Amino acid sequence: NIPNPFKEQTTISFFIPETASGASIHIYNLQGK
């Protein structure tokens, strides 16, 4: 992600193949939640 660290907002970039049927980003705290 850019910027990192951040305060107001940050952007996570990715590449998803055209053949993919489903995609998602999951954010966890250090306790794994």
All heavy atoms as atom14 arrays in JSON, in Angstrom:
{
  "sequence": "NIPNPFKEQTTISFFIPETASGASIHIYNLQGK",
  "atom14_mask": [
    [1, 1, 1, 1, 1, 1, 1, 1, 0, 0, 0, 0, 0, 0],
    [1, 1, 1, 1, 1, 1, 1, 1, 0, 0, 0, 0, 0, 0],
    [1, 1, 1, 1, 1, 1, 1, 0, 0, 0, 0, 0, 0, 0],
    [1, 1, 1, 1, 1, 1, 1, 1, 0, 0, 0, 0, 0, 0],
    [1, 1, 1, 1, 1, 1, 1, 0, 0, 0, 0, 0, 0, 0],
    [1, 1, 1, 1, 1, 1, 1, 1, 1, 1, 1, 0, 0, 0],
    [1, 1, 1, 1, 1, 1, 1, 1, 1, 0, 0, 0, 0, 0],
    [1, 1, 1, 1, 1, 1, 1, 1, 1, 0, 0, 0, 0, 0],
    [1, 1, 1, 1, 1, 1, 1, 1, 1, 0, 0, 0, 0, 0],
    [1, 1, 1, 1, 1, 1, 1, 0, 0, 0, 0, 0, 0, 0],
    [1, 1, 1, 1, 1, 1, 1, 0, 0, 0, 0, 0, 0, 0],
    [1, 1, 1, 1, 1, 1, 1, 1, 0, 0, 0, 0, 0, 0],
    [1, 1, 1, 1, 1, 1, 0, 0, 0, 0, 0, 0, 0, 0],
    [1, 1, 1, 1, 1, 1, 1, 1, 1, 1, 1, 0, 0, 0],
    [1, 1, 1, 1, 1, 1, 1, 1, 1, 1, 1, 0, 0, 0],
    [1, 1, 1, 1, 1, 1, 1, 1, 0, 0, 0, 0, 0, 0],
    [1, 1, 1, 1, 1, 1, 1, 0, 0, 0, 0, 0, 0, 0],
    [1, 1, 1, 1, 1, 1, 1, 1, 1, 0, 0, 0, 0, 0],
    [1, 1, 1, 1, 1, 1, 1, 0, 0, 0, 0, 0, 0, 0],
    [1, 1, 1, 1, 1, 0, 0, 0, 0, 0, 0, 0, 0, 0],
    [1, 1, 1, 1, 1, 1, 0, 0, 0, 0, 0, 0, 0, 0],
    [1, 1, 1, 1, 0, 0, 0, 0, 0, 0, 0, 0, 0, 0],
    [1, 1, 1, 1, 1, 0, 0, 0, 0, 0, 0, 0, 0, 0],
    [1, 1, 1, 1, 1, 1, 0, 0, 0, 0, 0, 0, 0, 0],
    [1, 1, 1, 1, 1, 1, 1, 1, 0, 0, 0, 0, 0, 0],
    [1, 1, 1, 1, 1, 1, 1, 1, 1, 1, 0, 0, 0, 0],
    [1, 1, 1, 1, 1, 1, 1, 1, 0, 0, 0, 0, 0, 0],
    [1, 1, 1, 1, 1, 1, 1, 1, 1, 1, 1, 1, 0, 0],
    [1, 1, 1, 1, 1, 1, 1, 1, 0, 0, 0, 0, 0, 0],
    [1, 1, 1, 1, 1, 1, 1, 1, 0, 0, 0, 0, 0, 0],
    [1, 1, 1, 1, 1, 1, 1, 1, 1, 0, 0, 0, 0, 0],
    [1, 1, 1, 1, 0, 0, 0, 0, 0, 0, 0, 0, 0, 0],
    [1, 1, 1, 1, 1, 1, 1, 1, 1, 0, 0, 0, 0, 0]
  ],
  "atom14_positions": [
    [[0.83, -1.21, 0.0], [0.0, 0.0, 0.0], [0.86, 1.25, 0.0], [1.99, 1.27, 0.52], [-0.92, 0.01, 1.22], [-0.17, -0.02, 2.52], [0.55, -0.97, 2.8], [-0.33, 1.02, 3.34], [0.0, 0.0, 0.0], [0.0, 0.0, 0.0], [0.0, 0.0, 0.0], [0.0, 0.0, 0.0], [0.0, 0.0, 0.0], [0.0, 0.0, 0.0]],
    [[0.33, 2.32, -0.6], [1.02, 3.62, -0.7], [0.04, 4.71, -0.29], [-1.08, 4.75, -0.81], [1.53, 3.88, -2.14], [2.53, 2.79, -2.55], [2.17, 5.26, -2.23], [2.98, 2.93, -4.0], [0.0, 0.0, 0.0], [0.0, 0.0, 0.0], [0.0, 0.0, 0.0], [0.0, 0.0, 0.0], [0.0, 0.0, 0.0], [0.0, 0.0, 0.0]],
    [[0.44, 5.6, 0.65], [1.67, 5.58, 1.44], [1.57, 4.59, 2.59], [0.49, 4.18, 2.97], [1.76, 7.02, 1.95], [0.33, 7.46, 2.05], [-0.38, 6.8, 0.92], [0.0, 0.0, 0.0], [0.0, 0.0, 0.0], [0.0, 0.0, 0.0], [0.0, 0.0, 0.0], [0.0, 0.0, 0.0], [0.0, 0.0, 0.0], [0.0, 0.0, 0.0]],
    [[2.71, 4.29, 3.16], [2.76, 3.38, 4.3], [3.99, 3.74, 5.14], [5.11, 3.64, 4.61], [2.85, 1.94, 3.84], [2.63, 0.94, 4.96], [1.99, 1.26, 5.95], [3.17, -0.26, 4.79], [0.0, 0.0, 0.0], [0.0, 0.0, 0.0], [0.0, 0.0, 0.0], [0.0, 0.0, 0.0], [0.0, 0.0, 0.0], [0.0, 0.0, 0.0]],
    [[3.81, 4.2, 6.37], [2.57, 4.37, 7.13], [1.69, 5.49, 6.53], [2.15, 6.3, 5.74], [3.05, 4.75, 8.53], [4.49, 4.34, 8.58], [5.0, 4.5, 7.18], [0.0, 0.0, 0.0], [0.0, 0.0, 0.0], [0.0, 0.0, 0.0], [0.0, 0.0, 0.0], [0.0, 0.0, 0.0], [0.0, 0.0, 0.0], [0.0, 0.0, 0.0]],
    [[0.42, 5.51, 6.98], [-0.5, 6.53, 6.48], [-1.36, 7.03, 7.64], [-1.43, 6.42, 8.71], [-1.39, 5.96, 5.37], [-2.42, 4.97, 5.84], [-3.74, 5.34, 6.03], [-2.07, 3.64, 6.1], [-4.69, 4.44, 6.45], [-3.03, 2.72, 6.53], [-4.34, 3.12, 6.71], [0.0, 0.0, 0.0], [0.0, 0.0, 0.0], [0.0, 0.0, 0.0]],
    [[-2.0, 8.2, 7.39], [-2.84, 8.81, 8.41], [-4.28, 8.97, 7.93], [-5.22, 8.59, 8.63], [-2.28, 10.16, 8.83], [-3.06, 10.85, 9.94], [-2.4, 12.15, 10.35], [-3.17, 12.82, 11.49], [-2.53, 14.1, 11.9], [0.0, 0.0, 0.0], [0.0, 0.0, 0.0], [0.0, 0.0, 0.0], [0.0, 0.0, 0.0], [0.0, 0.0, 0.0]],
    [[-4.46, 9.56, 6.75], [-5.81, 9.84, 6.25], [-6.32, 8.72, 5.35], [-7.43, 8.22, 5.53], [-5.84, 11.18, 5.52], [-5.56, 12.36, 6.45], [-5.63, 13.69, 5.72], [-5.75, 13.67, 4.48], [-5.56, 14.73, 6.4], [0.0, 0.0, 0.0], [0.0, 0.0, 0.0], [0.0, 0.0, 0.0], [0.0, 0.0, 0.0], [0.0, 0.0, 0.0]],
    [[-5.53, 8.32, 4.35], [-5.94, 7.23, 3.47], [-4.74, 6.63, 2.79], [-3.69, 7.28, 2.67], [-6.98, 7.68, 2.44], [-6.5, 8.72, 1.45], [-7.55, 9.05, 0.41], [-7.23, 9.46, -0.69], [-8.83, 8.9, 0.74], [0.0, 0.0, 0.0], [0.0, 0.0, 0.0], [0.0, 0.0, 0.0], [0.0, 0.0, 0.0], [0.0, 0.0, 0.0]],
    [[-4.86, 5.4, 2.35], [-3.81, 4.7, 1.63], [-4.44, 3.89, 0.51], [-5.65, 3.6, 0.54], [-3.0, 3.8, 2.57], [-1.86, 3.27, 1.88], [-3.85, 2.64, 3.08], [0.0, 0.0, 0.0], [0.0, 0.0, 0.0], [0.0, 0.0, 0.0], [0.0, 0.0, 0.0], [0.0, 0.0, 0.0], [0.0, 0.0, 0.0], [0.0, 0.0, 0.0]],
    [[-3.64, 3.54, -0.5], [-4.13, 2.81, -1.67], [-3.43, 1.47, -1.78], [-2.19, 1.4, -1.79], [-3.91, 3.62, -2.95], [-4.58, 4.89, -2.84], [-4.45, 2.87, -4.17], [0.0, 0.0, 0.0], [0.0, 0.0, 0.0], [0.0, 0.0, 0.0], [0.0, 0.0, 0.0], [0.0, 0.0, 0.0], [0.0, 0.0, 0.0], [0.0, 0.0, 0.0]],
    [[-4.22, 0.4, -1.89], [-3.7, -0.95, -2.08], [-3.91, -1.32, -3.55], [-5.04, -1.33, -4.04], [-4.41, -1.97, -1.17], [-4.22, -1.59, 0.3], [-3.89, -3.38, -1.43], [-5.01, -2.46, 1.26], [0.0, 0.0, 0.0], [0.0, 0.0, 0.0], [0.0, 0.0, 0.0], [0.0, 0.0, 0.0], [0.0, 0.0, 0.0], [0.0, 0.0, 0.0]],
    [[-2.84, -1.61, -4.25], [-2.93, -1.98, -5.67], [-2.81, -3.49, -5.83], [-2.19, -4.18, -5.0], [-1.83, -1.28, -6.47], [-1.97, 0.12, -6.38], [0.0, 0.0, 0.0], [0.0, 0.0, 0.0], [0.0, 0.0, 0.0], [0.0, 0.0, 0.0], [0.0, 0.0, 0.0], [0.0, 0.0, 0.0], [0.0, 0.0, 0.0], [0.0, 0.0, 0.0]],
    [[-3.36, -4.0, -6.94], [-3.38, -5.44, -7.16], [-3.57, -5.74, -8.64], [-3.87, -4.84, -9.44], [-4.52, -6.09, -6.36], [-5.84, -5.39, -6.52], [-6.63, -5.57, -7.65], [-6.29, -4.5, -5.55], [-7.84, -4.92, -7.81], [-7.5, -3.84, -5.7], [-8.27, -4.04, -6.83], [0.0, 0.0, 0.0], [0.0, 0.0, 0.0], [0.0, 0.0, 0.0]],
    [[-3.37, -6.99, -9.0], [-3.67, -7.47, -10.35], [-4.53, -8.72, -10.22], [-4.17, -9.68, -9.53], [-2.4, -7.79, -11.14], [-2.68, -8.43, -12.48], [-3.04, -7.65, -13.56], [-2.62, -9.81, -12.64], [-3.32, -8.23, -14.79], [-2.89, -10.4, -13.86], [-3.24, -9.61, -14.94], [0.0, 0.0, 0.0], [0.0, 0.0, 0.0], [0.0, 0.0, 0.0]],
    [[-5.71, -8.72, -10.9], [-6.63, -9.84, -10.88], [-6.77, -10.37, -12.3], [-7.15, -9.61, -13.21], [-8.01, -9.43, -10.34], [-7.88, -8.72, -8.98], [-8.92, -10.64, -10.23], [-7.28, -9.57, -7.89], [0.0, 0.0, 0.0], [0.0, 0.0, 0.0], [0.0, 0.0, 0.0], [0.0, 0.0, 0.0], [0.0, 0.0, 0.0], [0.0, 0.0, 0.0]],
    [[-6.49, -11.64, -12.56], [-6.64, -12.19, -13.93], [-8.08, -12.1, -14.41], [-9.03, -12.13, -13.62], [-6.19, -13.65, -13.76], [-5.38, -13.68, -12.51], [-5.96, -12.63, -11.61], [0.0, 0.0, 0.0], [0.0, 0.0, 0.0], [0.0, 0.0, 0.0], [0.0, 0.0, 0.0], [0.0, 0.0, 0.0], [0.0, 0.0, 0.0], [0.0, 0.0, 0.0]],
    [[-8.24, -12.0, -15.72], [-9.57, -11.91, -16.31], [-10.38, -13.18, -16.05], [-11.62, -13.14, -16.01], [-9.45, -11.68, -17.83], [-8.8, -10.37, -18.22], [-9.69, -9.17, -17.93], [-10.91, -9.37, -17.74], [-9.16, -8.05, -17.88], [0.0, 0.0, 0.0], [0.0, 0.0, 0.0], [0.0, 0.0, 0.0], [0.0, 0.0, 0.0], [0.0, 0.0, 0.0]],
    [[-9.69, -14.31, -15.86], [-10.38, -15.59, -15.67], [-10.86, -15.79, -14.24], [-11.58, -16.77, -13.97], [-9.44, -16.73, -16.05], [-8.23, -16.64, -15.27], [-9.09, -16.66, -17.54], [0.0, 0.0, 0.0], [0.0, 0.0, 0.0], [0.0, 0.0, 0.0], [0.0, 0.0, 0.0], [0.0, 0.0, 0.0], [0.0, 0.0, 0.0], [0.0, 0.0, 0.0]],
    [[-10.47, -14.91, -13.32], [-10.85, -15.08, -11.92], [-12.35, -14.87, -11.75], [-12.93, -13.95, -12.32], [-10.07, -14.12, -11.05], [0.0, 0.0, 0.0], [0.0, 0.0, 0.0], [0.0, 0.0, 0.0], [0.0, 0.0, 0.0], [0.0, 0.0, 0.0], [0.0, 0.0, 0.0], [0.0, 0.0, 0.0], [0.0, 0.0, 0.0], [0.0, 0.0, 0.0]],
    [[-12.98, -15.73, -10.94], [-14.42, -15.6, -10.7], [-14.73, -14.79, -9.45], [-15.82, -14.23, -9.32], [-15.05, -16.99, -10.59], [-14.44, -17.73, -9.53], [0.0, 0.0, 0.0], [0.0, 0.0, 0.0], [0.0, 0.0, 0.0], [0.0, 0.0, 0.0], [0.0, 0.0, 0.0], [0.0, 0.0, 0.0], [0.0, 0.0, 0.0], [0.0, 0.0, 0.0]],
    [[-13.8, -14.72, -8.54], [-14.02, -13.95, -7.32], [-12.72, -13.49, -6.7], [-11.71, -14.21, -6.74], [0.0, 0.0, 0.0], [0.0, 0.0, 0.0], [0.0, 0.0, 0.0], [0.0, 0.0, 0.0], [0.0, 0.0, 0.0], [0.0, 0.0, 0.0], [0.0, 0.0, 0.0], [0.0, 0.0, 0.0], [0.0, 0.0, 0.0], [0.0, 0.0, 0.0]],
    [[-12.72, -12.28, -6.15], [-11.5, -11.73, -5.53], [-11.89, -10.76, -4.43], [-12.91, -10.06, -4.53], [-10.63, -11.04, -6.58], [0.0, 0.0, 0.0], [0.0, 0.0, 0.0], [0.0, 0.0, 0.0], [0.0, 0.0, 0.0], [0.0, 0.0, 0.0], [0.0, 0.0, 0.0], [0.0, 0.0, 0.0], [0.0, 0.0, 0.0], [0.0, 0.0, 0.0]],
    [[-11.06, -10.7, -3.39], [-11.33, -9.79, -2.28], [-10.07, -9.57, -1.47], [-9.13, -10.37, -1.52], [-12.44, -10.34, -1.37], [-12.09, -11.63, -0.87], [0.0, 0.0, 0.0], [0.0, 0.0, 0.0], [0.0, 0.0, 0.0], [0.0, 0.0, 0.0], [0.0, 0.0, 0.0], [0.0, 0.0, 0.0], [0.0, 0.0, 0.0], [0.0, 0.0, 0.0]],
    [[-10.05, -8.43, -0.75], [-8.95, -8.12, 0.16], [-9.5, -8.15, 1.58], [-10.53, -7.54, 1.87], [-8.35, -6.73, -0.16], [-7.65, -6.76, -1.52], [-7.38, -6.29, 0.92], [-7.1, -5.42, -1.95], [0.0, 0.0, 0.0], [0.0, 0.0, 0.0], [0.0, 0.0, 0.0], [0.0, 0.0, 0.0], [0.0, 0.0, 0.0], [0.0, 0.0, 0.0]],
    [[-8.8, -8.83, 2.47], [-9.21, -8.97, 3.86], [-8.18, -8.3, 4.75], [-6.98, -8.56, 4.61], [-9.37, -10.44, 4.23], [-10.37, -11.17, 3.39], [-11.63, -11.5, 3.84], [-10.31, -11.61, 2.1], [-12.29, -12.12, 2.89], [-11.51, -12.21, 1.81], [0.0, 0.0, 0.0], [0.0, 0.0, 0.0], [0.0, 0.0, 0.0], [0.0, 0.0, 0.0]],
    [[-8.66, -7.46, 5.67], [-7.78, -6.74, 6.58], [-7.96, -7.3, 7.99], [-9.08, -7.43, 8.48], [-8.09, -5.22, 6.55], [-7.93, -4.67, 5.12], [-7.19, -4.46, 7.52], [-8.31, -3.22, 4.97], [0.0, 0.0, 0.0], [0.0, 0.0, 0.0], [0.0, 0.0, 0.0], [0.0, 0.0, 0.0], [0.0, 0.0, 0.0], [0.0, 0.0, 0.0]],
    [[-6.81, -7.62, 8.63], [-6.83, -8.23, 9.96], [-6.0, -7.38, 10.92], [-5.0, -6.75, 10.52], [-6.24, -9.64, 9.92], [-6.9, -10.57, 8.92], [-6.41, -10.66, 7.61], [-7.98, -11.35, 9.28], [-7.0, -11.51, 6.69], [-8.58, -12.21, 8.36], [-8.09, -12.29, 7.07], [-8.67, -13.13, 6.15], [0.0, 0.0, 0.0], [0.0, 0.0, 0.0]],
    [[-6.41, -7.41, 12.21], [-5.54, -6.82, 13.23], [-4.5, -7.86, 13.65], [-4.49, -9.01, 13.16], [-6.36, -6.32, 14.42], [-7.14, -7.43, 15.11], [-6.84, -8.61, 14.95], [-8.16, -7.04, 15.87], [0.0, 0.0, 0.0], [0.0, 0.0, 0.0], [0.0, 0.0, 0.0], [0.0, 0.0, 0.0], [0.0, 0.0, 0.0], [0.0, 0.0, 0.0]],
    [[-3.61, -7.5, 14.57], [-2.52, -8.4, 14.95], [-3.01, -9.6, 15.75], [-2.25, -10.57, 15.95], [-1.47, -7.62, 15.74], [-0.71, -6.55, 14.96], [0.36, -5.89, 15.82], [-0.09, -7.12, 13.68], [0.0, 0.0, 0.0], [0.0, 0.0, 0.0], [0.0, 0.0, 0.0], [0.0, 0.0, 0.0], [0.0, 0.0, 0.0], [0.0, 0.0, 0.0]],
    [[-4.25, -9.56, 16.22], [-4.81, -10.71, 16.92], [-5.46, -11.7, 15.94], [-6.0, -12.73, 16.35], [-5.85, -10.25, 17.95], [-5.25, -9.58, 19.18], [-4.72, -8.2, 18.89], [-5.36, -7.42, 18.17], [-3.54, -7.88, 19.43], [0.0, 0.0, 0.0], [0.0, 0.0, 0.0], [0.0, 0.0, 0.0], [0.0, 0.0, 0.0], [0.0, 0.0, 0.0]],
    [[-5.41, -11.36, 14.63], [-5.95, -12.26, 13.62], [-7.43, -12.08, 13.36], [-8.03, -12.84, 12.59], [0.0, 0.0, 0.0], [0.0, 0.0, 0.0], [0.0, 0.0, 0.0], [0.0, 0.0, 0.0], [0.0, 0.0, 0.0], [0.0, 0.0, 0.0], [0.0, 0.0, 0.0], [0.0, 0.0, 0.0], [0.0, 0.0, 0.0], [0.0, 0.0, 0.0]],
    [[-8.04, -11.07, 13.96], [-9.46, -10.81, 13.75], [-9.65, -9.98, 12.48], [-8.99, -8.97, 12.28], [-10.04, -10.06, 14.95], [-11.53, -9.76, 14.8], [-12.05, -8.99, 16.01], [-13.52, -8.65, 15.84], [-14.05, -7.87, 17.0], [0.0, 0.0, 0.0], [0.0, 0.0, 0.0], [0.0, 0.0, 0.0], [0.0, 0.0, 0.0], [0.0, 0.0, 0.0]]
  ]
}
